[in-house]
């Protein structure tokens, strides 16, 4: 196989795709499997599906207009962070690896009277470059629609998800991505 570049409107560039990272193991700092980018990609979203509910409680801040609630309580939930490992060295130089963290995201939960309650069978989807902010952050969280363009990753970058400190929660994670226009792809 060889690498090719197609026309800007080729289906390889315009179709959204999803990859399952598998289930996060129960316990603090559980991890999913890794996904290595096969081309230059835009990572748009993370989806979690709860198979075993958590026992932790977390409070998030909703500071973006319209701020309908100053904070929201999440019960029986798990926090998730997407980790990207990438090379910062220039071509021909030994690799110099760095990481970027996106999140935290709340796994599952249905809203009732200002409280989200996590339960088995619930799914939650978030754009990667915005998240619910834990604690008293005043940064714009995911209700801002100005930053929905995804996160660019290079071919060879590695992505995985790490869970928070909940001891029992298990979630299956999926990433939503698209190949960047004019990126080299296998043909």
N, C-alpha and C. Protein backbone atom coordinates (compact mmCIF):
# COMPACT_ATOMS: atom_id res chain seq x y z
N UNK A 1 0.83 -1.18 0.00
CA UNK A 1 0.00 0.00 0.00
C UNK A 1 0.88 1.24 0.00
N UNK A 2 0.31 2.29 -0.53
CA UNK A 2 1.04 3.55 -0.57
C UNK A 2 0.15 4.67 -0.05
N UNK A 3 0.77 5.79 0.26
CA UNK A 3 0.02 6.95 0.72
C UNK A 3 -0.43 7.77 -0.47
N UNK A 4 -1.65 8.28 -0.40
CA UNK A 4 -2.21 9.11 -1.46
C UNK A 4 -2.92 10.30 -0.86
N UNK A 5 -3.05 11.33 -1.66
CA UNK A 5 -3.90 12.47 -1.34
C UNK A 5 -5.03 12.49 -2.36
N UNK A 6 -6.26 12.60 -1.89
CA UNK A 6 -7.42 12.60 -2.77
C UNK A 6 -7.93 14.03 -2.95
N UNK A 7 -8.96 14.17 -3.77
CA UNK A 7 -9.62 15.47 -3.93
C UNK A 7 -10.20 15.89 -2.59
N UNK A 8 -10.33 17.18 -2.38
CA UNK A 8 -10.77 17.71 -1.08
C UNK A 8 -12.12 17.17 -0.64
N UNK A 9 -12.98 16.74 -1.60
CA UNK A 9 -14.32 16.26 -1.24
C UNK A 9 -14.42 14.73 -1.30
N UNK A 10 -13.30 14.03 -1.31
CA UNK A 10 -13.30 12.57 -1.32
C UNK A 10 -13.95 12.05 -0.04
N UNK A 11 -14.69 10.93 -0.11
CA UNK A 11 -15.33 10.39 1.09
C UNK A 11 -14.38 10.13 2.26
N UNK A 12 -13.10 9.87 1.98
CA UNK A 12 -12.15 9.66 3.06
C UNK A 12 -12.01 10.89 3.94
N UNK A 13 -12.29 12.07 3.37
CA UNK A 13 -12.14 13.32 4.11
C UNK A 13 -13.44 13.85 4.69
N UNK A 14 -14.57 13.49 4.12
CA UNK A 14 -15.83 14.10 4.56
C UNK A 14 -16.65 13.21 5.49
N UNK A 15 -16.31 11.92 5.57
CA UNK A 15 -17.07 11.01 6.42
C UNK A 15 -16.55 11.04 7.85
N UNK A 16 -17.46 11.16 8.79
CA UNK A 16 -17.08 11.02 10.20
C UNK A 16 -16.94 9.54 10.51
N UNK A 17 -16.00 9.23 11.38
CA UNK A 17 -15.76 7.85 11.77
C UNK A 17 -15.70 7.78 13.29
N UNK A 18 -15.84 6.57 13.80
CA UNK A 18 -15.76 6.36 15.24
C UNK A 18 -14.86 5.17 15.51
N UNK A 19 -14.15 5.23 16.62
CA UNK A 19 -13.32 4.12 17.04
C UNK A 19 -13.59 3.89 18.53
N UNK A 20 -13.79 2.62 18.88
CA UNK A 20 -13.99 2.27 20.28
C UNK A 20 -12.63 2.08 20.94
N UNK A 21 -12.46 2.72 22.07
CA UNK A 21 -11.24 2.54 22.86
C UNK A 21 -11.41 1.43 23.89
N UNK A 22 -12.60 0.85 23.94
CA UNK A 22 -12.88 -0.22 24.88
C UNK A 22 -13.36 0.32 26.21
N UNK A 23 -13.40 -0.57 27.18
CA UNK A 23 -13.89 -0.21 28.51
C UNK A 23 -12.74 0.26 29.40
N UNK A 24 -13.05 1.22 30.25
CA UNK A 24 -12.10 1.66 31.26
C UNK A 24 -12.23 0.71 32.44
N UNK A 25 -11.11 0.22 32.92
CA UNK A 25 -11.13 -0.67 34.06
C UNK A 25 -11.60 0.08 35.31
N UNK A 26 -12.25 -0.62 36.21
CA UNK A 26 -12.72 -0.01 37.45
C UNK A 26 -11.53 0.38 38.31
N UNK A 27 -11.71 1.41 39.12
CA UNK A 27 -10.65 1.86 40.01
C UNK A 27 -10.08 3.18 39.56
N UNK A 28 -9.37 3.82 40.47
CA UNK A 28 -8.79 5.13 40.19
C UNK A 28 -7.78 5.04 39.06
N UNK A 29 -7.84 6.03 38.16
CA UNK A 29 -6.91 6.16 37.03
C UNK A 29 -6.91 4.96 36.11
N UNK A 30 -8.09 4.36 35.91
CA UNK A 30 -8.21 3.28 34.93
C UNK A 30 -7.99 3.84 33.53
N UNK A 31 -7.56 3.01 32.61
CA UNK A 31 -7.28 3.48 31.25
C UNK A 31 -7.96 2.60 30.22
N UNK A 32 -8.20 3.20 29.05
CA UNK A 32 -8.72 2.45 27.90
C UNK A 32 -7.55 1.94 27.09
N UNK A 33 -7.88 1.25 26.02
CA UNK A 33 -6.86 0.91 25.03
C UNK A 33 -6.44 2.17 24.32
N UNK A 34 -5.35 2.09 23.55
CA UNK A 34 -4.83 3.26 22.83
C UNK A 34 -5.25 3.21 21.37
N UNK A 35 -5.43 4.38 20.82
CA UNK A 35 -5.71 4.55 19.39
C UNK A 35 -4.57 5.39 18.82
N UNK A 36 -3.90 4.86 17.78
CA UNK A 36 -2.84 5.61 17.13
C UNK A 36 -3.39 6.16 15.82
N UNK A 37 -3.28 7.46 15.64
CA UNK A 37 -3.82 8.12 14.44
C UNK A 37 -3.11 7.60 13.20
N UNK A 38 -3.88 7.12 12.24
CA UNK A 38 -3.34 6.56 11.00
C UNK A 38 -3.09 7.63 9.94
N UNK A 39 -3.58 8.84 10.19
CA UNK A 39 -3.41 9.98 9.28
C UNK A 39 -3.60 11.24 10.14
N UNK A 40 -3.46 12.41 9.54
CA UNK A 40 -3.78 13.64 10.27
C UNK A 40 -5.28 13.68 10.46
N UNK A 41 -5.73 13.78 11.70
CA UNK A 41 -7.15 13.68 12.03
C UNK A 41 -7.63 14.89 12.81
N UNK A 42 -8.94 15.09 12.81
CA UNK A 42 -9.63 16.01 13.72
C UNK A 42 -10.41 15.13 14.68
N UNK A 43 -10.15 15.24 15.96
CA UNK A 43 -10.90 14.50 16.97
C UNK A 43 -12.03 15.43 17.43
N UNK A 44 -13.27 15.00 17.18
CA UNK A 44 -14.40 15.87 17.47
C UNK A 44 -15.07 15.58 18.80
N UNK A 45 -15.23 14.32 19.14
CA UNK A 45 -16.01 14.05 20.34
C UNK A 45 -15.59 12.79 21.06
N UNK A 46 -16.03 12.72 22.29
CA UNK A 46 -15.83 11.54 23.14
C UNK A 46 -17.21 11.12 23.63
N UNK A 47 -17.50 9.83 23.55
CA UNK A 47 -18.77 9.29 24.02
C UNK A 47 -18.47 8.22 25.05
N UNK A 48 -19.19 8.27 26.15
CA UNK A 48 -19.05 7.23 27.17
C UNK A 48 -20.38 6.52 27.35
N UNK A 49 -20.32 5.23 27.57
CA UNK A 49 -21.50 4.41 27.85
C UNK A 49 -21.22 3.69 29.16
N UNK A 50 -22.07 3.89 30.15
CA UNK A 50 -21.86 3.35 31.48
C UNK A 50 -22.33 1.90 31.55
N UNK A 51 -21.42 0.99 31.91
CA UNK A 51 -21.80 -0.41 32.10
C UNK A 51 -21.88 -0.77 33.59
N UNK A 52 -21.13 -0.07 34.43
CA UNK A 52 -21.23 -0.19 35.88
C UNK A 52 -21.19 1.23 36.44
N UNK A 53 -22.24 1.60 37.17
CA UNK A 53 -22.34 2.98 37.68
C UNK A 53 -21.28 3.26 38.74
N UNK A 54 -20.90 4.51 38.81
CA UNK A 54 -19.94 4.94 39.81
C UNK A 54 -20.60 5.25 41.13
N UNK A 55 -19.79 5.66 42.11
CA UNK A 55 -20.29 6.03 43.43
C UNK A 55 -19.85 7.43 43.84
N UNK A 56 -19.10 8.12 42.99
CA UNK A 56 -18.56 9.44 43.33
C UNK A 56 -19.57 10.55 43.07
N UNK A 57 -19.38 11.67 43.75
CA UNK A 57 -20.16 12.88 43.53
C UNK A 57 -19.21 13.99 43.13
N UNK A 58 -19.57 14.73 42.09
CA UNK A 58 -18.74 15.81 41.56
C UNK A 58 -19.62 17.02 41.32
N UNK A 59 -19.08 18.21 41.53
CA UNK A 59 -19.81 19.44 41.22
C UNK A 59 -19.11 20.13 40.06
N UNK A 60 -19.90 20.53 39.05
CA UNK A 60 -19.36 21.24 37.89
C UNK A 60 -19.89 22.65 37.88
N UNK A 61 -19.15 23.54 37.24
CA UNK A 61 -19.53 24.94 37.13
C UNK A 61 -19.96 25.25 35.72
N UNK A 62 -21.08 25.92 35.56
CA UNK A 62 -21.57 26.33 34.25
C UNK A 62 -21.46 27.84 34.17
N UNK A 63 -20.32 28.33 33.69
CA UNK A 63 -20.08 29.77 33.68
C UNK A 63 -20.41 30.44 32.36
N UNK A 64 -20.73 29.67 31.34
CA UNK A 64 -20.96 30.25 30.01
C UNK A 64 -22.37 30.80 29.89
N UNK A 65 -22.54 31.87 29.15
CA UNK A 65 -23.88 32.39 28.91
C UNK A 65 -24.65 31.43 28.02
N UNK A 66 -25.91 31.17 28.24
CA UNK A 66 -26.61 31.61 29.43
C UNK A 66 -26.33 30.67 30.59
N UNK A 67 -25.86 31.18 31.68
CA UNK A 67 -25.55 30.37 32.85
C UNK A 67 -26.83 30.10 33.60
N UNK A 68 -27.48 28.99 33.29
CA UNK A 68 -28.77 28.67 33.89
C UNK A 68 -28.62 28.17 35.32
N UNK A 69 -27.48 27.62 35.63
CA UNK A 69 -27.23 27.15 36.99
C UNK A 69 -25.78 27.45 37.33
N UNK A 70 -25.54 27.98 38.49
CA UNK A 70 -24.17 28.29 38.88
C UNK A 70 -23.33 27.03 39.00
N UNK A 71 -23.95 25.95 39.45
CA UNK A 71 -23.23 24.68 39.53
C UNK A 71 -24.24 23.55 39.42
N UNK A 72 -23.71 22.40 39.06
CA UNK A 72 -24.55 21.21 38.94
C UNK A 72 -23.86 20.07 39.66
N UNK A 73 -24.64 19.25 40.35
CA UNK A 73 -24.10 18.13 41.10
C UNK A 73 -24.28 16.87 40.26
N UNK A 74 -23.22 16.06 40.18
CA UNK A 74 -23.24 14.79 39.46
C UNK A 74 -23.03 13.69 40.47
N UNK A 75 -24.01 12.80 40.60
CA UNK A 75 -23.97 11.72 41.58
C UNK A 75 -23.77 10.40 40.83
N UNK A 76 -23.03 9.46 41.44
CA UNK A 76 -22.77 8.15 40.84
C UNK A 76 -22.13 8.28 39.47
N UNK A 77 -21.10 9.11 39.38
CA UNK A 77 -20.51 9.39 38.08
C UNK A 77 -19.00 9.16 38.11
N UNK A 78 -18.41 9.27 36.95
CA UNK A 78 -16.97 9.13 36.79
C UNK A 78 -16.46 10.28 35.94
N UNK A 79 -15.32 10.84 36.28
CA UNK A 79 -14.68 11.85 35.45
C UNK A 79 -13.75 11.16 34.47
N UNK A 80 -13.67 11.69 33.26
CA UNK A 80 -12.82 11.14 32.22
C UNK A 80 -11.95 12.23 31.62
N UNK A 81 -10.72 11.89 31.26
CA UNK A 81 -9.83 12.81 30.55
C UNK A 81 -9.26 12.09 29.33
N UNK A 82 -9.25 12.78 28.19
CA UNK A 82 -8.63 12.26 26.98
C UNK A 82 -7.18 12.71 26.98
N UNK A 83 -6.26 11.77 26.78
CA UNK A 83 -4.83 12.06 26.77
C UNK A 83 -4.30 11.87 25.35
N UNK A 84 -3.52 12.83 24.89
CA UNK A 84 -2.86 12.75 23.58
C UNK A 84 -1.35 12.74 23.81
N UNK A 85 -0.66 11.75 23.26
CA UNK A 85 0.80 11.70 23.30
C UNK A 85 1.28 12.05 21.89
N UNK A 86 2.18 13.03 21.80
CA UNK A 86 2.63 13.47 20.48
C UNK A 86 4.11 13.83 20.51
N UNK A 87 4.71 13.88 19.34
CA UNK A 87 6.13 14.17 19.18
C UNK A 87 6.31 15.66 18.92
N UNK A 88 7.19 16.30 19.66
CA UNK A 88 7.45 17.73 19.46
C UNK A 88 8.76 17.99 18.73
N UNK A 89 9.51 16.95 18.41
CA UNK A 89 10.81 17.12 17.75
C UNK A 89 10.63 17.35 16.25
N UNK A 90 11.55 18.06 15.65
CA UNK A 90 11.52 18.26 14.21
C UNK A 90 12.03 17.01 13.50
N UNK A 91 11.80 16.93 12.20
CA UNK A 91 12.20 15.77 11.41
C UNK A 91 13.70 15.53 11.51
N UNK A 92 14.07 14.26 11.61
CA UNK A 92 15.48 13.89 11.65
C UNK A 92 16.12 13.98 13.02
N UNK A 93 15.35 14.36 14.02
CA UNK A 93 15.86 14.49 15.38
C UNK A 93 15.19 13.41 16.24
N UNK A 94 15.86 12.98 17.28
CA UNK A 94 15.28 11.98 18.18
C UNK A 94 13.93 12.46 18.71
N UNK A 95 12.96 11.56 18.85
CA UNK A 95 11.64 11.95 19.34
C UNK A 95 11.69 12.64 20.71
N UNK A 96 10.85 13.61 20.88
CA UNK A 96 10.66 14.29 22.17
C UNK A 96 9.16 14.28 22.42
N UNK A 97 8.70 13.38 23.28
CA UNK A 97 7.27 13.19 23.48
C UNK A 97 6.70 14.17 24.49
N UNK A 98 5.47 14.58 24.23
CA UNK A 98 4.73 15.47 25.13
C UNK A 98 3.30 14.94 25.22
N UNK A 99 2.57 15.43 26.21
CA UNK A 99 1.16 15.04 26.34
C UNK A 99 0.28 16.27 26.40
N UNK A 100 -0.96 16.08 25.98
CA UNK A 100 -2.01 17.11 26.12
C UNK A 100 -3.21 16.41 26.74
N UNK A 101 -3.88 17.08 27.65
CA UNK A 101 -5.04 16.52 28.33
C UNK A 101 -6.27 17.33 27.97
N UNK A 102 -7.35 16.64 27.61
CA UNK A 102 -8.62 17.28 27.29
C UNK A 102 -9.66 16.75 28.26
N UNK A 103 -10.43 17.65 28.85
CA UNK A 103 -11.43 17.25 29.81
C UNK A 103 -11.35 18.12 31.04
N UNK A 104 -11.95 17.77 32.13
CA UNK A 104 -12.60 16.49 32.38
C UNK A 104 -14.00 16.45 31.78
N UNK A 105 -14.43 15.24 31.49
CA UNK A 105 -15.78 14.97 31.00
C UNK A 105 -16.48 14.10 32.03
N UNK A 106 -17.79 14.24 32.12
CA UNK A 106 -18.58 13.44 33.05
C UNK A 106 -19.18 12.26 32.29
N UNK A 107 -18.98 11.06 32.78
CA UNK A 107 -19.50 9.86 32.12
C UNK A 107 -20.95 9.64 32.52
N UNK A 108 -21.86 9.77 31.56
CA UNK A 108 -23.28 9.46 31.77
C UNK A 108 -23.96 10.39 32.75
N UNK A 109 -25.25 10.16 32.95
CA UNK A 109 -26.01 10.92 33.93
C UNK A 109 -27.26 11.52 33.34
N UNK A 110 -28.37 11.40 34.06
CA UNK A 110 -29.61 12.04 33.63
C UNK A 110 -29.92 13.18 34.60
N UNK A 111 -30.47 14.27 34.08
CA UNK A 111 -30.67 15.49 34.85
C UNK A 111 -32.04 15.50 35.51
N UNK A 112 -32.06 15.80 36.80
CA UNK A 112 -33.32 15.95 37.52
C UNK A 112 -33.11 16.88 38.70
N UNK A 113 -33.83 18.00 38.73
CA UNK A 113 -33.79 18.95 39.85
C UNK A 113 -32.37 19.42 40.19
N UNK A 114 -31.58 19.76 39.19
CA UNK A 114 -30.24 20.27 39.43
C UNK A 114 -29.19 19.22 39.72
N UNK A 115 -29.57 17.95 39.62
CA UNK A 115 -28.63 16.87 39.91
C UNK A 115 -28.60 15.88 38.75
N UNK A 116 -27.41 15.49 38.34
CA UNK A 116 -27.23 14.43 37.35
C UNK A 116 -26.96 13.15 38.12
N UNK A 117 -27.64 12.07 37.74
CA UNK A 117 -27.42 10.79 38.41
C UNK A 117 -26.96 9.77 37.38
N UNK A 118 -25.79 9.20 37.61
CA UNK A 118 -25.25 8.19 36.71
C UNK A 118 -25.92 6.86 36.96
N UNK A 119 -26.13 6.09 35.89
CA UNK A 119 -26.74 4.78 36.01
C UNK A 119 -26.29 3.91 34.84
N UNK A 120 -26.42 2.60 35.00
CA UNK A 120 -26.07 1.67 33.94
C UNK A 120 -26.93 1.96 32.72
N UNK A 121 -26.30 1.93 31.55
CA UNK A 121 -27.03 2.13 30.30
C UNK A 121 -27.09 3.57 29.83
N UNK A 122 -26.53 4.49 30.57
CA UNK A 122 -26.57 5.89 30.15
C UNK A 122 -25.34 6.22 29.32
N UNK A 123 -25.56 7.10 28.34
CA UNK A 123 -24.46 7.54 27.48
C UNK A 123 -24.35 9.05 27.57
N UNK A 124 -23.14 9.54 27.36
CA UNK A 124 -22.89 10.98 27.33
C UNK A 124 -21.90 11.25 26.22
N UNK A 125 -22.14 12.31 25.46
CA UNK A 125 -21.23 12.69 24.37
C UNK A 125 -20.83 14.14 24.56
N UNK A 126 -19.53 14.41 24.40
CA UNK A 126 -19.01 15.76 24.57
C UNK A 126 -18.06 16.11 23.43
N UNK A 127 -18.04 17.37 23.02
CA UNK A 127 -16.99 17.79 22.10
C UNK A 127 -15.66 17.77 22.85
N UNK A 128 -14.60 17.34 22.18
CA UNK A 128 -13.31 17.16 22.85
C UNK A 128 -12.70 18.47 23.32
N UNK A 129 -12.83 19.53 22.55
CA UNK A 129 -12.13 20.77 22.93
C UNK A 129 -12.95 21.67 23.83
N UNK A 130 -13.89 21.10 24.55
CA UNK A 130 -14.59 21.82 25.61
C UNK A 130 -15.10 20.79 26.58
N UNK A 131 -15.18 21.14 27.84
CA UNK A 131 -15.61 20.16 28.82
C UNK A 131 -16.33 20.82 29.98
N UNK A 132 -16.95 20.01 30.79
CA UNK A 132 -17.55 20.51 32.01
C UNK A 132 -16.42 20.77 32.99
N UNK A 133 -16.42 21.92 33.59
CA UNK A 133 -15.32 22.28 34.47
C UNK A 133 -15.67 21.97 35.90
N UNK A 134 -14.79 21.26 36.54
CA UNK A 134 -15.01 20.82 37.91
C UNK A 134 -14.53 21.90 38.86
N UNK A 135 -15.28 22.12 39.91
CA UNK A 135 -14.90 23.11 40.91
C UNK A 135 -15.44 24.47 40.57
N UNK A 136 -14.64 25.50 40.73
CA UNK A 136 -15.14 26.87 40.59
C UNK A 136 -14.53 27.59 39.38
N UNK A 137 -14.16 26.85 38.34
CA UNK A 137 -13.59 27.46 37.15
C UNK A 137 -14.57 28.44 36.52
N UNK A 138 -14.07 29.57 36.04
CA UNK A 138 -14.92 30.53 35.35
C UNK A 138 -14.66 30.52 33.85
N UNK A 139 -13.92 29.54 33.36
CA UNK A 139 -13.67 29.40 31.94
C UNK A 139 -14.94 28.88 31.28
N UNK A 140 -15.17 29.26 30.03
CA UNK A 140 -16.38 28.81 29.34
C UNK A 140 -16.39 27.30 29.17
N UNK A 141 -17.41 26.61 29.68
CA UNK A 141 -17.49 25.16 29.50
C UNK A 141 -18.18 24.80 28.19
N UNK A 142 -18.64 23.55 28.09
CA UNK A 142 -19.11 23.01 26.82
C UNK A 142 -20.37 23.67 26.28
N UNK A 143 -21.02 24.56 27.00
CA UNK A 143 -22.20 25.21 26.46
C UNK A 143 -21.84 26.31 25.47
N UNK A 144 -20.55 26.64 25.34
CA UNK A 144 -20.12 27.61 24.35
C UNK A 144 -20.00 26.91 23.00
N UNK A 145 -20.67 27.44 21.98
CA UNK A 145 -20.66 26.79 20.67
C UNK A 145 -19.61 27.37 19.75
N UNK A 146 -18.69 28.16 20.25
CA UNK A 146 -17.70 28.79 19.40
C UNK A 146 -16.46 27.93 19.20
N UNK A 147 -16.36 26.80 19.86
CA UNK A 147 -15.14 26.00 19.79
C UNK A 147 -15.41 24.56 19.42
N UNK A 148 -16.28 24.32 18.45
CA UNK A 148 -16.68 22.96 18.11
C UNK A 148 -15.93 22.41 16.91
N UNK A 149 -14.77 22.95 16.56
CA UNK A 149 -14.03 22.53 15.37
C UNK A 149 -13.14 21.33 15.56
N UNK A 150 -13.14 20.70 16.69
CA UNK A 150 -12.31 19.54 16.91
C UNK A 150 -10.89 19.90 17.28
N UNK A 151 -10.13 18.86 17.59
CA UNK A 151 -8.73 18.99 17.96
C UNK A 151 -7.90 18.27 16.91
N UNK A 152 -6.93 18.96 16.33
CA UNK A 152 -6.07 18.36 15.31
C UNK A 152 -5.04 17.45 15.95
N UNK A 153 -4.87 16.25 15.39
CA UNK A 153 -3.81 15.34 15.81
C UNK A 153 -3.07 14.88 14.57
N UNK A 154 -1.80 14.59 14.73
CA UNK A 154 -0.95 14.17 13.62
C UNK A 154 -0.92 12.66 13.49
N UNK A 155 -0.62 12.19 12.30
CA UNK A 155 -0.42 10.75 12.10
C UNK A 155 0.65 10.28 13.09
N UNK A 156 0.36 9.19 13.77
CA UNK A 156 1.30 8.65 14.76
C UNK A 156 1.02 9.06 16.19
N UNK A 157 0.19 10.09 16.39
CA UNK A 157 -0.17 10.48 17.76
C UNK A 157 -0.99 9.36 18.40
N UNK A 158 -0.84 9.20 19.69
CA UNK A 158 -1.53 8.16 20.44
C UNK A 158 -2.56 8.81 21.36
N UNK A 159 -3.76 8.23 21.40
CA UNK A 159 -4.86 8.76 22.22
C UNK A 159 -5.42 7.66 23.11
N UNK A 160 -5.73 8.01 24.34
CA UNK A 160 -6.41 7.10 25.25
C UNK A 160 -7.14 7.91 26.30
N UNK A 161 -8.01 7.26 27.08
CA UNK A 161 -8.80 7.94 28.10
C UNK A 161 -8.44 7.38 29.47
N UNK A 162 -8.31 8.29 30.44
CA UNK A 162 -8.02 7.94 31.83
C UNK A 162 -9.24 8.33 32.67
N UNK A 163 -9.61 7.46 33.60
CA UNK A 163 -10.75 7.76 34.48
C UNK A 163 -10.28 8.51 35.72
N UNK A 164 -11.24 9.02 36.45
CA UNK A 164 -10.95 9.73 37.69
C UNK A 164 -10.71 8.77 38.83
N UNK A 165 -11.21 9.12 40.01
CA UNK A 165 -10.91 8.34 41.21
C UNK A 165 -12.02 7.41 41.64
N UNK A 166 -13.13 7.34 40.91
CA UNK A 166 -14.22 6.46 41.32
C UNK A 166 -13.74 5.00 41.29
N UNK A 167 -14.08 4.25 42.34
CA UNK A 167 -13.56 2.89 42.50
C UNK A 167 -14.37 1.84 41.74
N UNK A 168 -15.62 2.14 41.36
CA UNK A 168 -16.46 1.09 40.79
C UNK A 168 -16.88 1.33 39.34
N UNK A 169 -16.89 2.55 38.87
CA UNK A 169 -17.43 2.86 37.54
C UNK A 169 -16.65 2.19 36.42
N UNK A 170 -17.41 1.68 35.45
CA UNK A 170 -16.83 1.13 34.22
C UNK A 170 -17.59 1.76 33.06
N UNK A 171 -16.85 2.33 32.12
CA UNK A 171 -17.45 2.99 30.96
C UNK A 171 -16.77 2.54 29.69
N UNK A 172 -17.56 2.37 28.63
CA UNK A 172 -17.01 2.06 27.31
C UNK A 172 -16.89 3.40 26.58
N UNK A 173 -15.72 3.63 25.97
CA UNK A 173 -15.41 4.94 25.37
C UNK A 173 -15.27 4.83 23.86
N UNK A 174 -15.83 5.80 23.16
CA UNK A 174 -15.72 5.90 21.70
C UNK A 174 -15.25 7.30 21.34
N UNK A 175 -14.34 7.40 20.36
CA UNK A 175 -13.91 8.69 19.84
C UNK A 175 -14.53 8.91 18.47
N UNK A 176 -14.98 10.14 18.22
CA UNK A 176 -15.54 10.56 16.94
C UNK A 176 -14.48 11.38 16.23
N UNK A 177 -14.10 11.00 15.00
CA UNK A 177 -13.04 11.71 14.31
C UNK A 177 -13.30 11.79 12.81
N UNK A 178 -12.50 12.59 12.15
CA UNK A 178 -12.57 12.74 10.70
C UNK A 178 -11.15 12.97 10.20
N UNK A 179 -10.83 12.41 9.03
CA UNK A 179 -9.53 12.64 8.43
C UNK A 179 -9.48 14.08 7.94
N UNK A 180 -8.37 14.77 8.21
CA UNK A 180 -8.24 16.16 7.77
C UNK A 180 -8.18 16.22 6.24
N UNK A 181 -8.82 17.23 5.65
CA UNK A 181 -8.77 17.38 4.19
C UNK A 181 -7.34 17.41 3.67
N UNK A 182 -7.10 16.69 2.59
CA UNK A 182 -5.82 16.58 1.89
C UNK A 182 -4.74 15.86 2.69
N UNK A 183 -5.11 15.20 3.80
CA UNK A 183 -4.13 14.39 4.54
C UNK A 183 -3.78 13.16 3.71
N UNK A 184 -2.57 12.69 3.85
CA UNK A 184 -2.15 11.48 3.17
C UNK A 184 -2.84 10.30 3.84
N UNK A 185 -3.45 9.41 3.02
CA UNK A 185 -4.16 8.25 3.52
C UNK A 185 -3.68 7.00 2.79
N UNK A 186 -3.88 5.84 3.38
CA UNK A 186 -3.51 4.58 2.73
C UNK A 186 -4.45 4.33 1.56
N UNK A 187 -3.89 3.92 0.43
CA UNK A 187 -4.72 3.64 -0.75
C UNK A 187 -4.41 2.26 -1.28
